[in-house]
Protein backbone atom coordinates (compact mmCIF):
# COMPACT_ATOMS: atom_id res chain seq x y z
CA MET A 1 0.05 0.07 -0.14
CA PRO A 2 1.61 3.41 -1.10
CA LYS A 3 2.08 5.78 1.51
CA ARG A 4 0.29 9.32 1.85
CA GLN A 5 1.36 12.32 1.23
CA ILE A 6 -0.16 15.81 2.59
CA THR A 7 0.57 18.97 1.94
CA GLY A 8 -0.02 21.90 3.88
CA THR A 9 0.79 25.37 6.15
CA VAL A 10 2.34 24.68 9.60
CA ILE A 11 0.20 26.98 11.68
CA LYS A 12 1.83 25.56 15.44
CA LYS A 13 5.16 24.51 16.63
CA ALA A 14 4.19 22.08 19.27
CA GLY A 15 6.95 21.17 21.48
CA ASP A 16 10.02 19.35 20.09
CA LYS A 17 10.26 17.96 16.43
CA THR A 18 6.64 18.56 16.52
CA ALA A 19 4.63 20.98 14.43
CA THR A 20 0.97 21.15 13.27
CA VAL A 21 0.02 21.28 9.90
CA LEU A 22 -3.20 22.57 8.55
CA VAL A 23 -4.04 21.00 5.34
CA GLU A 24 -7.08 22.37 3.06
CA ARG A 25 -8.77 20.24 0.56
CA ARG A 26 -12.16 21.24 -1.99
CA VAL A 27 -14.62 19.44 -2.60
CA LEU A 28 -18.14 19.69 -3.81
CA HIS A 29 -21.03 20.27 -1.63
CA PRO A 30 -23.91 17.27 -2.45
CA ARG A 31 -26.61 19.26 -2.44
CA TYR A 32 -25.63 22.74 -3.53
CA HIS A 33 -23.33 21.93 -5.81
CA LYS A 34 -20.88 24.71 -4.50
CA THR A 35 -17.20 24.22 -4.06
CA VAL A 36 -16.30 24.04 -0.09
CA LYS A 37 -13.19 24.12 2.02
CA ARG A 38 -12.55 21.29 4.23
CA PHE A 39 -9.76 21.76 6.82
CA LYS A 40 -8.21 19.32 9.00
CA LYS A 41 -4.88 19.42 11.05
CA TYR A 42 -2.20 16.61 11.47
CA LEU A 43 0.66 16.61 13.86
CA ILE A 44 4.70 16.19 12.17
CA HIS A 45 7.49 14.87 12.79
CA ASP A 46 10.21 17.14 12.15
CA GLU A 47 13.67 15.48 13.10
CA LYS A 48 16.20 18.63 12.61
CA ASN A 49 13.76 21.46 14.11
CA GLU A 50 13.94 23.36 10.64
CA ILE A 51 10.93 24.17 9.75
CA ASN A 52 8.76 27.35 11.71
CA VAL A 53 5.11 28.52 11.12
CA GLY A 54 3.75 29.94 7.75
CA ASP A 55 6.21 27.21 5.69
CA THR A 56 4.35 25.33 3.22
CA VAL A 57 5.24 21.30 3.65
CA THR A 58 5.03 18.42 2.46
CA ALA A 59 4.67 15.37 5.03
CA ILE A 60 5.11 11.52 4.26
CA GLU A 61 3.04 8.93 6.20
CA CYS A 62 4.96 6.95 8.54
CA ARG A 63 4.88 4.08 11.49
CA PRO A 64 2.74 5.64 14.79
CA LEU A 65 5.52 7.94 16.77
CA SER A 66 2.89 8.65 19.10
CA LYS A 67 -0.85 8.64 20.28
CA THR A 68 -1.46 11.17 17.81
CA LYS A 69 1.77 11.74 15.43
CA SER A 70 1.66 9.54 11.98
CA PHE A 71 3.35 11.65 9.44
CA ARG A 72 7.00 13.06 9.10
CA LEU A 73 8.46 15.91 7.30
CA LEU A 74 9.52 14.84 3.52
CA GLU A 75 10.22 18.52 2.35
CA ILE A 76 10.34 22.03 2.84
CA VAL A 77 7.85 23.54 -0.33
CA LYS A 78 8.02 27.38 0.53
CA ARG A 79 9.84 29.06 3.48
CA GLY A 80 7.05 31.39 5.37
CA GLU A 81 7.36 34.67 5.51
CA VAL A 82 9.52 35.84 8.92
């Protein structure tokens, strides 16, 4: 089974080597046939503590690292403004 990849924006540095990433997806509403946004937050593992709030990152699924953390940092797509 292939590993899932998610791309989102870092919204919070949650402790050591952990960041919260907000992933946005657009879906078509079943009744109103309008595109709406859906959001979900993931905790990702950042081994080198190199990401900051505002960065756009890509994470890949891995073994569970804690109760809620099952993704690790793959790459930093775009640096946020400091």
